[in-house]
Amino acid sequence: MRTIALRLAYDGTAFAGSQWQANGRTVQGELEAAWERLTQEQRRWTLSGRTDAGVHATGQVAHLSSATHHSIETIQRALNALLPDDLRVLAAWEAEADFHARFSARWRHYRYLLDPSPVALPLLRHTVYHIGHLLDVAAMQAALALLEGEHDFAAFAALQGYSGSTIRRCYTAQCTPITMLDRALLAIELVANGFLRHMVRTIVGTVVLVGEGRLREEAFGCILTGRDRKQAGPTAAAHGLTLVAVGYAADPLPFGRVDTSAVSREQLSCEE
């Protein structure tokens, strides 16, 4: 048996999420159907984390154990020929036998895109959340900086049915101006050893209140330490969010950060 790993990119607009569902089109379902057509194997791919309906990815990772004799090059080329246009295999490799897309991961990088321009650009409507007014970027950055380090992120998560640890280590939390299609946007970059469900989107919904002057930086910090989801802001729309990358043992942290922490299995959920 071989362990095959893939790096996937997808436009989440028409998916009901990444995880297989009995009713609904999913990334995992499309991948498994294409794999069966290629190899005649009925296998379950394991993803590095779950993304909700409408959330995109450029760095989702998946793995499985397979008896296929196809070369890695053939696997990538053939899967891309079989998969729909909104899902692609950006890279394929043969991993170590003990590699696990979820439990071997050391960090995840999410990006949320905001458009403060008065009029939305139709070409960005599926990947950028249109705010429609200017935001105080300095205030947002000051609030986001409070998230860096190890904290209990219960205030920013949907915890229904979840009984695990809500402590995560955040390596990077920043708000950065970027340009896309000549449009000035804001990118909220979050890198952590794991994410709780809706954690990124709730952080974004709350820090936007800071940018609008409706919430002070100090209040943002109190929400974090208070651990009460009712005190945080709304959950931002799914379509502005992208899973950019998942890092493993040999992968350096984005933004030049250094990882000095140990990661427990409890901290490896990635459920945006």
C-alpha atoms as a PDB file:
ATOM      1  CA  MET A   1       0.000   0.000   0.000  1.00  0.00           C
ATOM      2  CA  ARG A   2       1.138   3.510  -0.835  1.00  0.00           C
ATOM      3  CA  THR A   3       0.215   6.763   0.917  1.00  0.00           C
ATOM      4  CA  ILE A   4      -0.794   9.327  -1.712  1.00  0.00           C
ATOM      5  CA  ALA A   5      -1.165  12.993  -0.743  1.00  0.00           C
ATOM      6  CA  LEU A   6      -2.680  15.859  -2.720  1.00  0.00           C
ATOM      7  CA  ARG A   7      -2.803  19.633  -2.439  1.00  0.00           C
ATOM      8  CA  LEU A   8      -6.206  20.821  -3.610  1.00  0.00           C
ATOM      9  CA  ALA A   9      -7.627  24.133  -4.762  1.00  0.00           C
ATOM     10  CA  TYR A  10     -11.322  24.744  -5.134  1.00  0.00           C
ATOM     11  CA  ASP A  11     -13.928  27.423  -5.616  1.00  0.00           C
ATOM     12  CA  GLY A  12     -16.330  26.673  -2.783  1.00  0.00           C
ATOM     13  CA  THR A  13     -19.275  28.547  -4.301  1.00  0.00           C
ATOM     14  CA  ALA A  14     -21.139  25.496  -5.604  1.00  0.00           C
ATOM     15  CA  PHE A  15     -20.005  23.039  -2.910  1.00  0.00           C
ATOM     16  CA  ALA A  16     -22.000  22.146   0.200  1.00  0.00           C
ATOM     17  CA  GLY A  17     -18.644  22.008   1.982  1.00  0.00           C
ATOM     18  CA  SER A  18     -15.484  19.955   1.772  1.00  0.00           C
ATOM     19  CA  GLN A  19     -16.599  16.976   3.877  1.00  0.00           C
ATOM     20  CA  TRP A  20     -18.616  14.139   2.315  1.00  0.00           C
ATOM     21  CA  GLN A  21     -22.387  14.427   2.785  1.00  0.00           C
ATOM     22  CA  ALA A  22     -25.177  12.040   1.885  1.00  0.00           C
ATOM     23  CA  ASN A  23     -27.094  14.888   0.279  1.00  0.00           C
ATOM     24  CA  GLY A  24     -25.043  17.655  -1.274  1.00  0.00           C
ATOM     25  CA  ARG A  25     -22.140  18.153  -3.633  1.00  0.00           C
ATOM     26  CA  THR A  26     -18.827  18.158  -1.740  1.00  0.00           C
ATOM     27  CA  VAL A  27     -15.108  18.352  -2.450  1.00  0.00           C
ATOM     28  CA  GLN A  28     -14.521  14.951  -0.872  1.00  0.00           C
ATOM     29  CA  GLY A  29     -17.359  13.386  -2.831  1.00  0.00           C
ATOM     30  CA  GLU A  30     -16.077  14.685  -6.175  1.00  0.00           C
ATOM     31  CA  LEU A  31     -12.521  13.574  -5.358  1.00  0.00           C
ATOM     32  CA  GLU A  32     -13.586  10.066  -4.359  1.00  0.00           C
ATOM     33  CA  ALA A  33     -15.734   9.665  -7.468  1.00  0.00           C
ATOM     34  CA  ALA A  34     -12.816  10.703  -9.701  1.00  0.00           C
ATOM     35  CA  TRP A  35     -10.441   8.380  -7.829  1.00  0.00           C
ATOM     36  CA  GLU A  36     -12.753   5.418  -8.346  1.00  0.00           C
ATOM     37  CA  ARG A  37     -12.972   6.148 -12.061  1.00  0.00           C
ATOM     38  CA  LEU A  38      -9.193   6.313 -12.289  1.00  0.00           C
ATOM     39  CA  THR A  39      -8.222   3.313 -10.117  1.00  0.00           C
ATOM     40  CA  GLN A  40     -11.468   1.318  -9.607  1.00  0.00           C
ATOM     41  CA  GLU A  41     -10.754   1.678  -5.862  1.00  0.00           C
ATOM     42  CA  GLN A  42     -13.501   2.786  -3.491  1.00  0.00           C
ATOM     43  CA  ARG A  43     -11.449   4.723  -0.952  1.00  0.00           C
ATOM     44  CA  ARG A  44     -12.154   7.489   1.546  1.00  0.00           C
ATOM     45  CA  TRP A  45      -9.850  10.477   1.242  1.00  0.00           C
ATOM     46  CA  THR A  46      -8.910  12.171   4.529  1.00  0.00           C
ATOM     47  CA  LEU A  47      -8.807  15.979   4.390  1.00  0.00           C
ATOM     48  CA  SER A  48      -6.615  18.210   6.531  1.00  0.00           C
ATOM     49  CA  GLY A  49      -9.722  20.003   7.741  1.00  0.00           C
ATOM     50  CA  ARG A  50     -13.335  20.753   7.003  1.00  0.00           C
ATOM     51  CA  THR A  51     -14.423  23.891   5.186  1.00  0.00           C
ATOM     52  CA  ASP A  52     -18.034  25.052   5.137  1.00  0.00           C
ATOM     53  CA  ALA A  53     -20.225  25.678   2.128  1.00  0.00           C
ATOM     54  CA  GLY A  54     -18.938  28.654   0.163  1.00  0.00           C
ATOM     55  CA  VAL A  55     -15.419  28.602   1.663  1.00  0.00           C
ATOM     56  CA  HIS A  56     -12.562  28.294  -0.846  1.00  0.00           C
ATOM     57  CA  ALA A  57      -9.112  26.714  -0.733  1.00  0.00           C
ATOM     58  CA  THR A  58      -5.764  26.979  -2.460  1.00  0.00           C
ATOM     59  CA  GLY A  59      -3.976  24.688  -0.004  1.00  0.00           C
ATOM     60  CA  GLN A  60      -6.331  21.967   1.223  1.00  0.00           C
ATOM     61  CA  VAL A  61      -4.439  18.693   1.743  1.00  0.00           C
ATOM     62  CA  ALA A  62      -5.822  15.171   1.417  1.00  0.00           C
ATOM     63  CA  HIS A  63      -4.370  11.669   1.719  1.00  0.00           C
ATOM     64  CA  LEU A  64      -5.306   8.009   1.323  1.00  0.00           C
ATOM     65  CA  SER A  65      -3.732   4.548   1.268  1.00  0.00           C
ATOM     66  CA  SER A  66      -3.873   2.919  -2.138  1.00  0.00           C
ATOM     67  CA  ALA A  67      -2.682  -0.132  -4.051  1.00  0.00           C
ATOM     68  CA  THR A  68      -2.629   1.756  -7.351  1.00  0.00           C
ATOM     69  CA  HIS A  69       0.405   1.397  -9.619  1.00  0.00           C
ATOM     70  CA  HIS A  70      -0.201   4.735 -11.343  1.00  0.00           C
ATOM     71  CA  SER A  71       2.711   7.158 -11.150  1.00  0.00           C
ATOM     72  CA  ILE A  72       2.329  10.397  -9.210  1.00  0.00           C
ATOM     73  CA  GLU A  73       2.445  12.340 -12.479  1.00  0.00           C
ATOM     74  CA  THR A  74      -0.344  10.201 -13.933  1.00  0.00           C
ATOM     75  CA  ILE A  75      -2.435  10.584 -10.780  1.00  0.00           C
ATOM     76  CA  GLN A  76      -2.296  14.372 -10.894  1.00  0.00           C
ATOM     77  CA  ARG A  77      -2.887  14.615 -14.635  1.00  0.00           C
ATOM     78  CA  ALA A  78      -5.719  12.077 -14.680  1.00  0.00           C
ATOM     79  CA  LEU A  79      -7.534  13.446 -11.654  1.00  0.00           C
ATOM     80  CA  ASN A  80      -7.494  16.938 -13.128  1.00  0.00           C
ATOM     81  CA  ALA A  81      -9.001  15.503 -16.322  1.00  0.00           C
ATOM     82  CA  LEU A  82     -11.759  13.780 -14.339  1.00  0.00           C
ATOM     83  CA  LEU A  83     -12.547  16.451 -11.737  1.00  0.00           C
ATOM     84  CA  PRO A  84     -14.989  19.354 -12.325  1.00  0.00           C
ATOM     85  CA  ASP A  85     -13.643  22.777 -13.242  1.00  0.00           C
ATOM     86  CA  ASP A  86     -14.057  24.170  -9.707  1.00  0.00           C
ATOM     87  CA  LEU A  87     -11.723  21.579  -8.138  1.00  0.00           C
ATOM     88  CA  ARG A  88      -8.084  21.001  -9.050  1.00  0.00           C
ATOM     89  CA  VAL A  89      -5.081  18.994  -7.825  1.00  0.00           C
ATOM     90  CA  LEU A  90      -2.237  21.513  -7.599  1.00  0.00           C
ATOM     91  CA  ALA A  91       0.318  18.954  -6.415  1.00  0.00           C
ATOM     92  CA  ALA A  92       0.549  15.226  -5.721  1.00  0.00           C
ATOM     93  CA  TRP A  93       3.228  13.276  -3.899  1.00  0.00           C
ATOM     94  CA  GLU A  94       3.969   9.934  -2.291  1.00  0.00           C
ATOM     95  CA  ALA A  95       4.051  10.491   1.462  1.00  0.00           C
ATOM     96  CA  GLU A  96       5.490   8.475   4.316  1.00  0.00           C
ATOM     97  CA  ALA A  97       3.320   5.614   5.531  1.00  0.00           C
ATOM     98  CA  ASP A  98       2.470   7.425   8.767  1.00  0.00           C
ATOM     99  CA  PHE A  99       1.543  10.722   7.081  1.00  0.00           C
ATOM    100  CA  HIS A 100      -1.912  11.999   8.025  1.00  0.00           C
ATOM    101  CA  ALA A 101      -3.356  15.063   6.319  1.00  0.00           C
ATOM    102  CA  ARG A 102      -5.017  16.238   9.531  1.00  0.00           C
ATOM    103  CA  PHE A 103      -2.964  14.893  12.423  1.00  0.00           C
ATOM    104  CA  SER A 104       0.453  15.503  10.843  1.00  0.00           C
ATOM    105  CA  ALA A 105      -0.335  19.177  10.242  1.00  0.00           C
ATOM    106  CA  ARG A 106       1.520  21.818  12.291  1.00  0.00           C
ATOM    107  CA  TRP A 107      -0.297  24.953  11.196  1.00  0.00           C
ATOM    108  CA  ARG A 108      -3.068  26.321   8.983  1.00  0.00           C
ATOM    109  CA  HIS A 109      -3.237  29.632   7.156  1.00  0.00           C
ATOM    110  CA  TYR A 110      -6.584  31.265   6.406  1.00  0.00           C
ATOM    111  CA  ARG A 111      -7.171  34.534   4.529  1.00  0.00           C
ATOM    112  CA  TYR A 112     -10.359  36.589   4.575  1.00  0.00           C
ATOM    113  CA  LEU A 113     -10.805  39.295   1.926  1.00  0.00           C
ATOM    114  CA  LEU A 114     -12.776  42.492   2.499  1.00  0.00           C
ATOM    115  CA  ASP A 115     -13.692  45.155  -0.062  1.00  0.00           C
ATOM    116  CA  PRO A 116     -14.256  48.642   1.429  1.00  0.00           C
ATOM    117  CA  SER A 117     -15.032  50.263  -1.948  1.00  0.00           C
ATOM    118  CA  PRO A 118     -18.452  51.948  -2.316  1.00  0.00           C
ATOM    119  CA  VAL A 119     -19.443  49.716  -5.250  1.00  0.00           C
ATOM    120  CA  ALA A 120     -18.726  45.983  -5.389  1.00  0.00           C
ATOM    121  CA  LEU A 121     -16.738  44.555  -8.311  1.00  0.00           C
ATOM    122  CA  PRO A 122     -18.826  41.739  -9.836  1.00  0.00           C
ATOM    123  CA  LEU A 123     -15.729  39.698 -10.750  1.00  0.00           C
ATOM    124  CA  LEU A 124     -14.884  39.367  -7.043  1.00  0.00           C
ATOM    125  CA  ARG A 125     -18.360  38.592  -5.766  1.00  0.00           C
ATOM    126  CA  HIS A 126     -17.611  34.920  -4.982  1.00  0.00           C
ATOM    127  CA  THR A 127     -14.300  35.445  -3.161  1.00  0.00           C
ATOM    128  CA  VAL A 128     -14.440  38.873  -1.495  1.00  0.00           C
ATOM    129  CA  TYR A 129     -16.907  40.200   1.080  1.00  0.00           C
ATOM    130  CA  HIS A 130     -18.060  43.694   0.123  1.00  0.00           C
ATOM    131  CA  ILE A 131     -18.167  46.057   3.124  1.00  0.00           C
ATOM    132  CA  GLY A 132     -18.867  49.230   1.137  1.00  0.00           C
ATOM    133  CA  HIS A 133     -17.152  51.762   3.407  1.00  0.00           C
ATOM    134  CA  LEU A 134     -13.708  52.567   4.768  1.00  0.00           C
ATOM    135  CA  LEU A 135     -12.410  50.800   7.872  1.00  0.00           C
ATOM    136  CA  ASP A 136      -9.861  51.868  10.464  1.00  0.00           C
ATOM    137  CA  VAL A 137      -7.086  49.438   9.525  1.00  0.00           C
ATOM    138  CA  ALA A 138      -4.776  50.541  12.354  1.00  0.00           C
ATOM    139  CA  ALA A 139      -7.467  49.852  14.957  1.00  0.00           C
ATOM    140  CA  MET A 140      -8.202  46.463  13.388  1.00  0.00           C
ATOM    141  CA  GLN A 141      -4.515  45.549  13.415  1.00  0.00           C
ATOM    142  CA  ALA A 142      -4.183  46.538  17.072  1.00  0.00           C
ATOM    143  CA  ALA A 143      -7.143  44.342  17.980  1.00  0.00           C
ATOM    144  CA  LEU A 144      -5.943  41.380  15.912  1.00  0.00           C
ATOM    145  CA  ALA A 145      -2.511  41.523  17.568  1.00  0.00           C
ATOM    146  CA  LEU A 146      -4.211  40.546  20.835  1.00  0.00           C
ATOM    147  CA  LEU A 147      -4.962  37.138  19.320  1.00  0.00           C
ATOM    148  CA  GLU A 148      -1.336  36.143  18.811  1.00  0.00           C
ATOM    149  CA  GLY A 149      -0.060  33.573  21.281  1.00  0.00           C
ATOM    150  CA  GLU A 150      -1.897  30.776  23.044  1.00  0.00           C
ATOM    151  CA  HIS A 151      -5.471  31.613  24.069  1.00  0.00           C
ATOM    152  CA  ASP A 152      -8.862  30.091  24.692  1.00  0.00           C
ATOM    153  CA  PHE A 153     -10.849  30.999  21.567  1.00  0.00           C
ATOM    154  CA  ALA A 154     -14.264  29.850  22.812  1.00  0.00           C
ATOM    155  CA  ALA A 155     -15.703  33.346  22.264  1.00  0.00           C
ATOM    156  CA  PHE A 156     -15.091  33.088  18.523  1.00  0.00           C
ATOM    157  CA  ALA A 157     -16.362  29.578  17.851  1.00  0.00           C
ATOM    158  CA  ALA A 158     -19.537  27.625  17.155  1.00  0.00           C
ATOM    159  CA  LEU A 159     -19.272  24.983  19.866  1.00  0.00           C
ATOM    160  CA  GLN A 160     -22.585  23.155  19.568  1.00  0.00           C
ATOM    161  CA  GLY A 161     -21.824  19.438  19.903  1.00  0.00           C
ATOM    162  CA  TYR A 162     -18.104  20.094  20.470  1.00  0.00           C
ATOM    163  CA  SER A 163     -16.500  18.902  23.710  1.00  0.00           C
ATOM    164  CA  GLY A 164     -12.774  19.227  22.978  1.00  0.00           C
ATOM    165  CA  SER A 165     -10.249  21.878  23.933  1.00  0.00           C
ATOM    166  CA  THR A 166     -10.880  25.431  22.733  1.00  0.00           C
ATOM    167  CA  ILE A 167      -7.264  26.485  23.294  1.00  0.00           C
ATOM    168  CA  ARG A 168      -5.266  27.262  20.155  1.00  0.00           C
ATOM    169  CA  ARG A 169      -1.926  28.915  19.418  1.00  0.00           C
ATOM    170  CA  CYS A 170      -2.222  31.789  16.958  1.00  0.00           C
ATOM    171  CA  TYR A 171       1.050  32.582  15.177  1.00  0.00           C
ATOM    172  CA  THR A 172      -0.135  35.453  12.973  1.00  0.00           C
ATOM    173  CA  ALA A 173      -3.165  37.735  13.093  1.00  0.00           C
ATOM    174  CA  GLN A 174      -2.915  40.777  10.878  1.00  0.00           C
ATOM    175  CA  CYS A 175      -4.827  43.053   8.530  1.00  0.00           C
ATOM    176  CA  THR A 176      -2.974  43.906   5.330  1.00  0.00           C
ATOM    177  CA  PRO A 177      -3.931  46.054   2.305  1.00  0.00           C
ATOM    178  CA  ILE A 178      -3.665  44.108  -0.956  1.00  0.00           C
ATOM    179  CA  THR A 179      -4.660  44.724  -4.574  1.00  0.00           C
ATOM    180  CA  MET A 180      -6.685  42.345  -6.716  1.00  0.00           C
ATOM    181  CA  LEU A 181      -7.920  43.227 -10.218  1.00  0.00           C
ATOM    182  CA  ASP A 182      -6.865  46.827  -9.524  1.00  0.00           C
ATOM    183  CA  ARG A 183      -9.187  46.882  -6.497  1.00  0.00           C
ATOM    184  CA  ALA A 184      -7.801  47.922  -3.091  1.00  0.00           C
ATOM    185  CA  LEU A 185      -8.818  45.208  -0.625  1.00  0.00           C
ATOM    186  CA  LEU A 186      -8.047  44.233   2.952  1.00  0.00           C
ATOM    187  CA  ALA A 187      -6.727  40.768   3.743  1.00  0.00           C
ATOM    188  CA  ILE A 188      -7.131  39.421   7.260  1.00  0.00           C
ATOM    189  CA  GLU A 189      -4.431  36.774   7.653  1.00  0.00           C
ATOM    190  CA  LEU A 190      -4.712  34.192  10.413  1.00  0.00           C
ATOM    191  CA  VAL A 191      -2.207  31.394  11.027  1.00  0.00           C
ATOM    192  CA  ALA A 192      -2.676  28.985  13.931  1.00  0.00           C
ATOM    193  CA  ASN A 193      -2.031  25.402  14.921  1.00  0.00           C
ATOM    194  CA  GLY A 194      -5.751  24.707  14.585  1.00  0.00           C
ATOM    195  CA  PHE A 195      -9.104  26.415  14.155  1.00  0.00           C
ATOM    196  CA  LEU A 196     -12.487  25.874  15.739  1.00  0.00           C
ATOM    197  CA  ARG A 197     -15.637  25.898  13.655  1.00  0.00           C
ATOM    198  CA  HIS A 198     -16.442  29.425  12.426  1.00  0.00           C
ATOM    199  CA  MET A 199     -13.472  30.788  14.370  1.00  0.00           C
ATOM    200  CA  VAL A 200     -11.968  32.802  11.517  1.00  0.00           C
ATOM    201  CA  ARG A 201     -15.300  34.142  10.315  1.00  0.00           C
ATOM    202  CA  THR A 202     -16.350  35.207  13.823  1.00  0.00           C
ATOM    203  CA  ILE A 203     -12.997  36.901  14.419  1.00  0.00           C
ATOM    204  CA  VAL A 204     -13.512  38.766  11.133  1.00  0.00           C
ATOM    205  CA  GLY A 205     -17.092  39.732  11.996  1.00  0.00           C
ATOM    206  CA  THR A 206     -15.902  41.088  15.343  1.00  0.00           C
ATOM    207  CA  VAL A 207     -12.810  42.936  14.143  1.00  0.00           C
ATOM    208  CA  VAL A 208     -14.868  44.637  11.420  1.00  0.00           C
ATOM    209  CA  LEU A 209     -16.858  46.219  14.257  1.00  0.00           C
ATOM    210  CA  VAL A 210     -13.539  47.598  15.521  1.00  0.00           C
ATOM    211  CA  GLY A 211     -12.754  48.958  12.066  1.00  0.00           C
ATOM    212  CA  GLU A 212     -16.142  50.656  11.945  1.00  0.00           C
ATOM    213  CA  GLY A 213     -15.604  52.299  15.324  1.00  0.00           C
ATOM    214  CA  ARG A 214     -18.452  50.347  16.925  1.00  0.00           C
ATOM    215  CA  LEU A 215     -16.146  48.326  19.201  1.00  0.00           C
ATOM    216  CA  ARG A 216     -12.990  49.458  20.971  1.00  0.00           C
ATOM    217  CA  GLU A 217      -9.737  47.492  20.933  1.00  0.00           C
ATOM    218  CA  GLU A 218      -9.996  46.949  24.691  1.00  0.00           C
ATOM    219  CA  ALA A 219     -13.491  45.500  24.301  1.00  0.00           C
ATOM    220  CA  PHE A 220     -12.194  43.127  21.628  1.00  0.00           C
ATOM    221  CA  GLY A 221      -9.619  41.861  24.129  1.00  0.00           C
ATOM    222  CA  CYS A 222     -12.306  41.430  26.790  1.00  0.00           C
ATOM    223  CA  ILE A 223     -14.367  39.346  24.372  1.00  0.00           C
ATOM    224  CA  LEU A 224     -11.388  37.029  23.866  1.00  0.00           C
ATOM    225  CA  THR A 225     -10.775  36.570  27.578  1.00  0.00           C
ATOM    226  CA  GLY A 226     -14.482  36.402  28.401  1.00  0.00           C
ATOM    227  CA  ARG A 227     -15.002  33.194  26.366  1.00  0.00           C
ATOM    228  CA  ASP A 228     -18.651  34.115  25.658  1.00  0.00           C
ATOM    229  CA  ARG A 229     -19.721  33.749  22.017  1.00  0.00           C
ATOM    230  CA  LYS A 230     -22.727  36.021  22.630  1.00  0.00           C
ATOM    231  CA  GLN A 231     -20.378  38.954  23.230  1.00  0.00           C
ATOM    232  CA  ALA A 232     -18.556  38.573  19.909  1.00  0.00           C
ATOM    233  CA  GLY A 233     -19.686  39.970  16.578  1.00  0.00           C
ATOM    234  CA  PRO A 234     -21.533  38.245  13.734  1.00  0.00           C
ATOM    235  CA  THR A 235     -20.109  35.369  11.736  1.00  0.00           C
ATOM    236  CA  ALA A 236     -18.788  36.871   8.494  1.00  0.00           C
ATOM    237  CA  ALA A 237     -20.019  35.490   5.182  1.00  0.00           C
ATOM    238  CA  ALA A 238     -18.389  32.257   4.040  1.00  0.00           C
ATOM    239  CA  HIS A 239     -17.460  33.378   0.533  1.00  0.00           C
ATOM    240  CA  GLY A 240     -14.730  35.794   1.707  1.00  0.00           C
ATOM    241  CA  LEU A 241     -12.706  32.985   3.295  1.00  0.00           C
ATOM    242  CA  THR A 242      -9.935  30.868   1.765  1.00  0.00           C
ATOM    243  CA  LEU A 243      -7.833  28.092   3.271  1.00  0.00           C
ATOM    244  CA  VAL A 244      -4.491  29.229   1.862  1.00  0.00           C
ATOM    245  CA  ALA A 245      -2.087  26.576   3.150  1.00  0.00           C
ATOM    246  CA  VAL A 246      -1.540  23.732   5.587  1.00  0.00           C
ATOM    247  CA  GLY A 247       1.972  23.240   6.950  1.00  0.00           C
ATOM    248  CA  TYR A 248       3.734  20.066   8.007  1.00  0.00           C
ATOM    249  CA  ALA A 249       6.996  19.299   9.827  1.00  0.00           C
ATOM    250  CA  ALA A 250       9.338  20.582   7.127  1.00  0.00           C
ATOM    251  CA  ASP A 251       7.251  23.631   6.180  1.00  0.00           C
ATOM    252  CA  PRO A 252       8.246  27.035   7.606  1.00  0.00           C
ATOM    253  CA  LEU A 253       5.548  29.201   9.116  1.00  0.00           C
ATOM    254  CA  PRO A 254       4.228  31.985   6.855  1.00  0.00           C
ATOM    255  CA  PHE A 255       5.310  35.572   7.504  1.00  0.00           C
ATOM    256  CA  GLY A 256       8.685  34.493   8.879  1.00  0.00           C
ATOM    257  CA  ARG A 257       7.339  33.292  12.231  1.00  0.00           C
ATOM    258  CA  VAL A 258       9.058  30.571  14.253  1.00  0.00           C
ATOM    259  CA  ASP A 259       7.125  27.623  15.654  1.00  0.00           C
ATOM    260  CA  THR A 260       8.417  26.704  19.104  1.00  0.00           C
ATOM    261  CA  SER A 261       5.287  25.011  20.465  1.00  0.00           C
ATOM    262  CA  ALA A 262       4.238  21.399  20.684  1.00  0.00           C
ATOM    263  CA  VAL A 263       0.947  20.493  19.030  1.00  0.00           C
ATOM    264  CA  SER A 264      -1.500  18.112  20.637  1.00  0.00           C
ATOM    265  CA  ARG A 265      -4.114  16.119  18.738  1.00  0.00           C
ATOM    266  CA  GLU A 266      -6.787  18.186  20.502  1.00  0.00           C
ATOM    267  CA  GLN A 267      -5.489  21.298  18.751  1.00  0.00           C
ATOM    268  CA  LEU A 268      -5.543  19.876  15.246  1.00  0.00           C
ATOM    269  CA  SER A 269      -9.138  20.580  14.256  1.00  0.00           C
ATOM    270  CA  CYS A 270      -9.550  22.772  11.195  1.00  0.00           C
ATOM    271  CA  GLU A 271     -13.247  23.280  10.726  1.00  0.00           C
ATOM    272  CA  GLU A 272     -13.909  26.574   9.011  1.00  0.00           C
END
